[in-house]
Amino acid sequence: MAHQPLDDLELETLESFLESDQVHEECQNFVMAHGFLTALSICPVLTAEDTWLPIIFEDTPQFENEKQEKQILQYLSRLFVDIQKELESEDGFMVPCELEMGSSPEELSELQEWATGFMEGVFMTESHWFESEKEEVVAELLLPIMVASDLFDDEEVVQIRESEKLTNSCIAQIPEVVTDLFLVLRTEPEKRPFPKAQPKTKGNNNKKKGGKKS
């Protein structure tokens, strides 16, 4: 049977469940889960569902019944496929939120949550992202997402975030950067894009854990 993309009602049901009292307080909300699954979709090695589901939920949800459990797990599986098919299409990638930062360090925007989820996906599959011949290109492309996330205090990231103009310029590149990362990691060399001129990163050893459910 052909894959059926999630419709608006199904997306709303999934979003509401991930924000409900039925899940752990550290459960990823919808935009974080979307970012997380986007990173796993870009990774050249497939991550099994029984590996990524516990990361999204943090702890087993309190499903009302077997029907709800089956429904929510199916929606997450279909969301994963939806994202993969969007990346494989030539229509361009759409981040499921506004490209804007939060008004204060204590209040993350949806973009910051999405980017945090994305980087958690990168951390989980890190060895497949940073192969020797791709490491520098991938690090440069990841910079806008690193800037948007709440996980880094690297000097380069801090300098960019101190300038509203630089920050806005950086985060505006995220949809294009996601597509470029997919091309670099998942397609043949002749199709890979040339990386844009961006400040180089010094690694991600200074990450800090951000919040999950908002």
C-alpha atoms as a PDB file:
ATOM      1  CA  MET A   1       0.000   0.000   0.000  1.00  0.00           C
ATOM      2  CA  ALA A   2       1.290   3.460  -0.926  1.00  0.00           C
ATOM      3  CA  HIS A   3       2.488   5.709   1.868  1.00  0.00           C
ATOM      4  CA  GLN A   4      -0.205   8.095   3.147  1.00  0.00           C
ATOM      5  CA  PRO A   5       1.179  11.427   4.438  1.00  0.00           C
ATOM      6  CA  LEU A   6      -0.198  12.671   7.738  1.00  0.00           C
ATOM      7  CA  ASP A   7      -3.136  15.023   7.278  1.00  0.00           C
ATOM      8  CA  ASP A   8      -3.811  18.130   9.383  1.00  0.00           C
ATOM      9  CA  LEU A   9      -6.020  16.305  11.883  1.00  0.00           C
ATOM     10  CA  GLU A  10      -3.484  13.519  12.374  1.00  0.00           C
ATOM     11  CA  LEU A  11      -0.682  16.052  12.838  1.00  0.00           C
ATOM     12  CA  GLU A  12      -2.790  17.929  15.405  1.00  0.00           C
ATOM     13  CA  THR A  13      -3.553  14.672  17.255  1.00  0.00           C
ATOM     14  CA  LEU A  14       0.140  13.772  17.407  1.00  0.00           C
ATOM     15  CA  GLU A  15       1.139  17.270  18.488  1.00  0.00           C
ATOM     16  CA  SER A  16      -1.461  17.314  21.267  1.00  0.00           C
ATOM     17  CA  PHE A  17      -0.393  13.894  22.536  1.00  0.00           C
ATOM     18  CA  LEU A  18       3.282  14.904  22.748  1.00  0.00           C
ATOM     19  CA  GLU A  19       2.235  17.928  24.834  1.00  0.00           C
ATOM     20  CA  SER A  20      -0.154  15.993  27.069  1.00  0.00           C
ATOM     21  CA  ASP A  21       0.149  14.690  30.623  1.00  0.00           C
ATOM     22  CA  GLN A  22       0.324  11.164  29.209  1.00  0.00           C
ATOM     23  CA  VAL A  23       3.999  11.589  28.352  1.00  0.00           C
ATOM     24  CA  HIS A  24       7.122  12.180  30.460  1.00  0.00           C
ATOM     25  CA  GLU A  25       7.941  15.847  31.163  1.00  0.00           C
ATOM     26  CA  GLU A  26      11.152  15.422  29.116  1.00  0.00           C
ATOM     27  CA  CYS A  27       9.306  13.972  26.111  1.00  0.00           C
ATOM     28  CA  GLN A  28      10.080  15.822  22.894  1.00  0.00           C
ATOM     29  CA  ASN A  29       7.255  18.028  21.688  1.00  0.00           C
ATOM     30  CA  PHE A  30       6.196  17.914  18.031  1.00  0.00           C
ATOM     31  CA  VAL A  31       8.710  20.409  16.624  1.00  0.00           C
ATOM     32  CA  MET A  32      11.588  18.810  18.569  1.00  0.00           C
ATOM     33  CA  ALA A  33      10.555  15.359  17.350  1.00  0.00           C
ATOM     34  CA  HIS A  34      10.353  16.707  13.788  1.00  0.00           C
ATOM     35  CA  GLY A  35      13.885  18.109  14.052  1.00  0.00           C
ATOM     36  CA  PHE A  36      15.152  14.885  15.603  1.00  0.00           C
ATOM     37  CA  LEU A  37      13.619  12.738  12.852  1.00  0.00           C
ATOM     38  CA  THR A  38      14.902  15.132  10.187  1.00  0.00           C
ATOM     39  CA  ALA A  39      18.465  14.550  11.371  1.00  0.00           C
ATOM     40  CA  LEU A  40      17.906  10.783  11.403  1.00  0.00           C
ATOM     41  CA  SER A  41      16.507  11.045   7.858  1.00  0.00           C
ATOM     42  CA  ILE A  42      19.673  12.796   6.695  1.00  0.00           C
ATOM     43  CA  CYS A  43      21.999  10.319   8.403  1.00  0.00           C
ATOM     44  CA  PRO A  44      23.318   7.847   5.780  1.00  0.00           C
ATOM     45  CA  VAL A  45      22.706   4.887   8.115  1.00  0.00           C
ATOM     46  CA  LEU A  46      19.090   4.085   9.012  1.00  0.00           C
ATOM     47  CA  THR A  47      18.225   4.173  12.723  1.00  0.00           C
ATOM     48  CA  ALA A  48      15.738   1.499  13.806  1.00  0.00           C
ATOM     49  CA  GLU A  49      12.385   2.629  15.173  1.00  0.00           C
ATOM     50  CA  ASP A  50      12.913   0.804  18.457  1.00  0.00           C
ATOM     51  CA  THR A  51      16.052   2.932  18.902  1.00  0.00           C
ATOM     52  CA  TRP A  52      14.600   6.385  18.181  1.00  0.00           C
ATOM     53  CA  LEU A  53      11.153   6.009  19.754  1.00  0.00           C
ATOM     54  CA  PRO A  54      12.489   5.818  23.363  1.00  0.00           C
ATOM     55  CA  ILE A  55      14.544   8.973  22.703  1.00  0.00           C
ATOM     56  CA  ILE A  56      11.423  10.897  21.682  1.00  0.00           C
ATOM     57  CA  PHE A  57       9.315   9.652  24.586  1.00  0.00           C
ATOM     58  CA  GLU A  58      12.054   9.614  27.285  1.00  0.00           C
ATOM     59  CA  ASP A  59       9.846   7.144  29.164  1.00  0.00           C
ATOM     60  CA  THR A  60       6.935   4.924  28.162  1.00  0.00           C
ATOM     61  CA  PRO A  61       3.785   7.061  27.714  1.00  0.00           C
ATOM     62  CA  GLN A  62       0.605   6.313  29.617  1.00  0.00           C
ATOM     63  CA  PHE A  63      -1.533   5.388  26.638  1.00  0.00           C
ATOM     64  CA  GLU A  64      -5.292   5.273  27.234  1.00  0.00           C
ATOM     65  CA  ASN A  65      -5.558   1.937  25.458  1.00  0.00           C
ATOM     66  CA  GLU A  66      -3.965  -0.226  22.784  1.00  0.00           C
ATOM     67  CA  LYS A  67      -5.822   1.632  20.056  1.00  0.00           C
ATOM     68  CA  GLN A  68      -4.280   4.964  21.054  1.00  0.00           C
ATOM     69  CA  GLU A  69      -0.835   3.397  21.383  1.00  0.00           C
ATOM     70  CA  LYS A  70      -1.050   1.912  17.897  1.00  0.00           C
ATOM     71  CA  GLN A  71      -2.327   5.220  16.489  1.00  0.00           C
ATOM     72  CA  ILE A  72       0.420   7.397  17.988  1.00  0.00           C
ATOM     73  CA  LEU A  73       3.234   5.002  17.070  1.00  0.00           C
ATOM     74  CA  GLN A  74       1.868   4.781  13.535  1.00  0.00           C
ATOM     75  CA  TYR A  75       1.705   8.593  13.280  1.00  0.00           C
ATOM     76  CA  LEU A  76       5.347   8.911  14.365  1.00  0.00           C
ATOM     77  CA  SER A  77       6.416   6.253  11.858  1.00  0.00           C
ATOM     78  CA  ARG A  78       4.525   8.028   9.087  1.00  0.00           C
ATOM     79  CA  LEU A  79       6.010  11.379  10.115  1.00  0.00           C
ATOM     80  CA  PHE A  80       9.483   9.854   9.746  1.00  0.00           C
ATOM     81  CA  VAL A  81       8.607   8.675   6.229  1.00  0.00           C
ATOM     82  CA  ASP A  82       6.995  12.037   5.381  1.00  0.00           C
ATOM     83  CA  ILE A  83      10.253  13.803   6.264  1.00  0.00           C
ATOM     84  CA  GLN A  84      12.360  11.338   4.272  1.00  0.00           C
ATOM     85  CA  LYS A  85      10.163  11.793   1.192  1.00  0.00           C
ATOM     86  CA  GLU A  86      10.283  15.583   1.539  1.00  0.00           C
ATOM     87  CA  LEU A  87      14.081  15.488   1.643  1.00  0.00           C
ATOM     88  CA  GLU A  88      14.178  13.223  -1.415  1.00  0.00           C
ATOM     89  CA  SER A  89      11.860  15.491  -3.411  1.00  0.00           C
ATOM     90  CA  GLU A  90      13.016  18.526  -5.364  1.00  0.00           C
ATOM     91  CA  ASP A  91      10.475  20.855  -3.772  1.00  0.00           C
ATOM     92  CA  GLY A  92      12.740  22.202  -1.024  1.00  0.00           C
ATOM     93  CA  PHE A  93      12.540  21.509   2.698  1.00  0.00           C
ATOM     94  CA  MET A  94      10.045  23.279   4.959  1.00  0.00           C
ATOM     95  CA  VAL A  95      10.857  23.731   8.649  1.00  0.00           C
ATOM     96  CA  PRO A  96       7.507  23.332  10.515  1.00  0.00           C
ATOM     97  CA  CYS A  97       7.764  26.661  12.361  1.00  0.00           C
ATOM     98  CA  GLU A  98       8.713  30.303  11.970  1.00  0.00           C
ATOM     99  CA  LEU A  99      12.434  31.025  11.467  1.00  0.00           C
ATOM    100  CA  GLU A 100      12.817  33.179  14.565  1.00  0.00           C
ATOM    101  CA  MET A 101      14.594  33.057  17.891  1.00  0.00           C
ATOM    102  CA  GLY A 102      13.011  33.352  21.328  1.00  0.00           C
ATOM    103  CA  SER A 103      12.614  36.759  22.938  1.00  0.00           C
ATOM    104  CA  SER A 104      14.605  35.680  26.005  1.00  0.00           C
ATOM    105  CA  PRO A 105      17.107  32.931  26.945  1.00  0.00           C
ATOM    106  CA  GLU A 106      14.464  31.372  29.215  1.00  0.00           C
ATOM    107  CA  GLU A 107      11.840  31.075  26.470  1.00  0.00           C
ATOM    108  CA  LEU A 108      12.842  29.010  23.443  1.00  0.00           C
ATOM    109  CA  SER A 109      11.101  29.607  20.140  1.00  0.00           C
ATOM    110  CA  GLU A 110       9.768  26.672  18.152  1.00  0.00           C
ATOM    111  CA  LEU A 111      12.752  27.026  15.810  1.00  0.00           C
ATOM    112  CA  GLN A 112      15.126  26.658  18.761  1.00  0.00           C
ATOM    113  CA  GLU A 113      13.239  23.553  19.867  1.00  0.00           C
ATOM    114  CA  TRP A 114      13.353  22.145  16.330  1.00  0.00           C
ATOM    115  CA  ALA A 115      17.093  22.794  16.086  1.00  0.00           C
ATOM    116  CA  THR A 116      17.672  21.255  19.521  1.00  0.00           C
ATOM    117  CA  GLY A 117      15.857  18.106  18.395  1.00  0.00           C
ATOM    118  CA  PHE A 118      17.854  18.076  15.160  1.00  0.00           C
ATOM    119  CA  MET A 119      21.179  18.273  16.991  1.00  0.00           C
ATOM    120  CA  GLU A 120      20.123  15.495  19.367  1.00  0.00           C
ATOM    121  CA  GLY A 121      19.628  13.366  16.260  1.00  0.00           C
ATOM    122  CA  VAL A 122      23.105  14.332  15.075  1.00  0.00           C
ATOM    123  CA  PHE A 123      24.654  13.476  18.455  1.00  0.00           C
ATOM    124  CA  MET A 124      22.965  10.082  18.461  1.00  0.00           C
ATOM    125  CA  THR A 125      24.379   9.174  15.046  1.00  0.00           C
ATOM    126  CA  GLU A 126      27.509  11.354  15.197  1.00  0.00           C
ATOM    127  CA  SER A 127      29.996   8.855  13.780  1.00  0.00           C
ATOM    128  CA  HIS A 128      28.050   8.683  10.507  1.00  0.00           C
ATOM    129  CA  TRP A 129      28.029  12.483  10.064  1.00  0.00           C
ATOM    130  CA  PHE A 130      31.694  13.192  10.559  1.00  0.00           C
ATOM    131  CA  GLU A 131      33.563  10.848   8.263  1.00  0.00           C
ATOM    132  CA  SER A 132      37.037  12.198   7.562  1.00  0.00           C
ATOM    133  CA  GLU A 133      36.468  13.571   4.056  1.00  0.00           C
ATOM    134  CA  LYS A 134      33.099  15.140   4.955  1.00  0.00           C
ATOM    135  CA  GLU A 135      33.775  16.444   8.442  1.00  0.00           C
ATOM    136  CA  GLU A 136      34.648  20.044   7.553  1.00  0.00           C
ATOM    137  CA  VAL A 137      31.797  20.467   5.064  1.00  0.00           C
ATOM    138  CA  VAL A 138      29.237  18.978   7.466  1.00  0.00           C
ATOM    139  CA  ALA A 139      30.482  21.131  10.368  1.00  0.00           C
ATOM    140  CA  GLU A 140      30.153  24.295   8.262  1.00  0.00           C
ATOM    141  CA  LEU A 141      26.666  23.382   7.097  1.00  0.00           C
ATOM    142  CA  LEU A 142      25.543  22.559  10.643  1.00  0.00           C
ATOM    143  CA  LEU A 143      26.504  25.989  11.986  1.00  0.00           C
ATOM    144  CA  PRO A 144      23.123  27.742  11.404  1.00  0.00           C
ATOM    145  CA  ILE A 145      21.326  24.887  13.186  1.00  0.00           C
ATOM    146  CA  MET A 146      23.868  25.008  16.018  1.00  0.00           C
ATOM    147  CA  VAL A 147      23.245  28.757  16.339  1.00  0.00           C
ATOM    148  CA  ALA A 148      19.481  28.185  16.496  1.00  0.00           C
ATOM    149  CA  SER A 149      19.703  25.386  19.063  1.00  0.00           C
ATOM    150  CA  ASP A 150      20.114  25.833  22.797  1.00  0.00           C
ATOM    151  CA  LEU A 151      22.983  23.358  23.040  1.00  0.00           C
ATOM    152  CA  PHE A 152      26.226  25.213  22.331  1.00  0.00           C
ATOM    153  CA  ASP A 153      28.477  27.817  23.888  1.00  0.00           C
ATOM    154  CA  ASP A 154      31.319  27.546  21.356  1.00  0.00           C
ATOM    155  CA  GLU A 155      33.069  30.867  20.703  1.00  0.00           C
ATOM    156  CA  GLU A 156      31.831  31.076  17.084  1.00  0.00           C
ATOM    157  CA  VAL A 157      28.218  30.364  18.063  1.00  0.00           C
ATOM    158  CA  VAL A 158      28.306  32.882  20.922  1.00  0.00           C
ATOM    159  CA  GLN A 159      29.748  35.591  18.646  1.00  0.00           C
ATOM    160  CA  ILE A 160      27.025  35.075  16.059  1.00  0.00           C
ATOM    161  CA  ARG A 161      24.263  35.037  18.645  1.00  0.00           C
ATOM    162  CA  GLU A 162      25.527  38.325  20.104  1.00  0.00           C
ATOM    163  CA  SER A 163      24.552  39.978  16.806  1.00  0.00           C
ATOM    164  CA  GLU A 164      20.864  39.956  15.923  1.00  0.00           C
ATOM    165  CA  LYS A 165      21.708  40.640  12.271  1.00  0.00           C
ATOM    166  CA  LEU A 166      24.185  37.737  12.050  1.00  0.00           C
ATOM    167  CA  THR A 167      21.794  35.436  13.909  1.00  0.00           C
ATOM    168  CA  ASN A 168      18.867  36.231  11.606  1.00  0.00           C
ATOM    169  CA  SER A 169      21.074  35.791   8.538  1.00  0.00           C
ATOM    170  CA  CYS A 170      22.229  32.428   9.881  1.00  0.00           C
ATOM    171  CA  ILE A 171      18.846  30.973  10.774  1.00  0.00           C
ATOM    172  CA  ALA A 172      17.332  32.087   7.461  1.00  0.00           C
ATOM    173  CA  GLN A 173      19.664  29.552   5.801  1.00  0.00           C
ATOM    174  CA  ILE A 174      18.331  26.558   7.756  1.00  0.00           C
ATOM    175  CA  PRO A 175      15.857  25.152   5.170  1.00  0.00           C
ATOM    176  CA  GLU A 176      18.529  25.306   2.454  1.00  0.00           C
ATOM    177  CA  VAL A 177      21.180  23.921   4.813  1.00  0.00           C
ATOM    178  CA  VAL A 178      18.991  20.901   5.609  1.00  0.00           C
ATOM    179  CA  THR A 179      18.739  20.106   1.898  1.00  0.00           C
ATOM    180  CA  ASP A 180      22.497  20.612   1.446  1.00  0.00           C
ATOM    181  CA  LEU A 181      23.276  18.263   4.338  1.00  0.00           C
ATOM    182  CA  PHE A 182      21.045  15.629   2.759  1.00  0.00           C
ATOM    183  CA  LEU A 183      22.866  16.013  -0.552  1.00  0.00           C
ATOM    184  CA  VAL A 184      26.305  15.839   1.074  1.00  0.00           C
ATOM    185  CA  LEU A 185      25.564  12.761   3.152  1.00  0.00           C
ATOM    186  CA  ARG A 186      23.111  10.846   0.993  1.00  0.00           C
ATOM    187  CA  THR A 187      23.924  11.471  -2.694  1.00  0.00           C
ATOM    188  CA  GLU A 188      26.782  10.848  -5.092  1.00  0.00           C
ATOM    189  CA  PRO A 189      29.776  13.253  -4.987  1.00  0.00           C
ATOM    190  CA  GLU A 190      28.912  15.043  -8.258  1.00  0.00           C
ATOM    191  CA  LYS A 191      25.552  16.101  -6.796  1.00  0.00           C
ATOM    192  CA  ARG A 192      26.966  17.498  -3.568  1.00  0.00           C
ATOM    193  CA  PRO A 193      26.736  21.276  -3.121  1.00  0.00           C
ATOM    194  CA  PHE A 194      29.715  23.466  -2.470  1.00  0.00           C
ATOM    195  CA  PRO A 195      29.578  24.647   1.164  1.00  0.00           C
ATOM    196  CA  LYS A 196      28.820  28.296   1.669  1.00  0.00           C
ATOM    197  CA  ALA A 197      31.410  30.545   3.218  1.00  0.00           C
ATOM    198  CA  GLN A 198      30.655  30.373   6.929  1.00  0.00           C
ATOM    199  CA  PRO A 199      32.738  30.564  10.098  1.00  0.00           C
ATOM    200  CA  LYS A 200      34.262  27.202  10.947  1.00  0.00           C
ATOM    201  CA  THR A 201      33.240  25.416  14.093  1.00  0.00           C
ATOM    202  CA  LYS A 202      35.609  23.889  16.609  1.00  0.00           C
ATOM    203  CA  GLY A 203      33.528  20.832  17.393  1.00  0.00           C
ATOM    204  CA  ASN A 204      30.587  20.236  19.689  1.00  0.00           C
ATOM    205  CA  ASN A 205      32.251  19.376  22.957  1.00  0.00           C
ATOM    206  CA  ASN A 206      30.637  22.298  24.767  1.00  0.00           C
ATOM    207  CA  LYS A 207      27.052  21.257  24.324  1.00  0.00           C
ATOM    208  CA  LYS A 208      24.534  21.673  27.069  1.00  0.00           C
ATOM    209  CA  LYS A 209      21.183  19.988  27.335  1.00  0.00           C
ATOM    210  CA  GLY A 210      18.153  22.054  26.446  1.00  0.00           C
ATOM    211  CA  GLY A 211      14.583  21.652  27.574  1.00  0.00           C
ATOM    212  CA  LYS A 212      12.082  19.372  25.914  1.00  0.00           C
ATOM    213  CA  LYS A 213       8.365  19.673  26.512  1.00  0.00           C
ATOM    214  CA  SER A 214       7.380  23.330  26.538  1.00  0.00           C
END
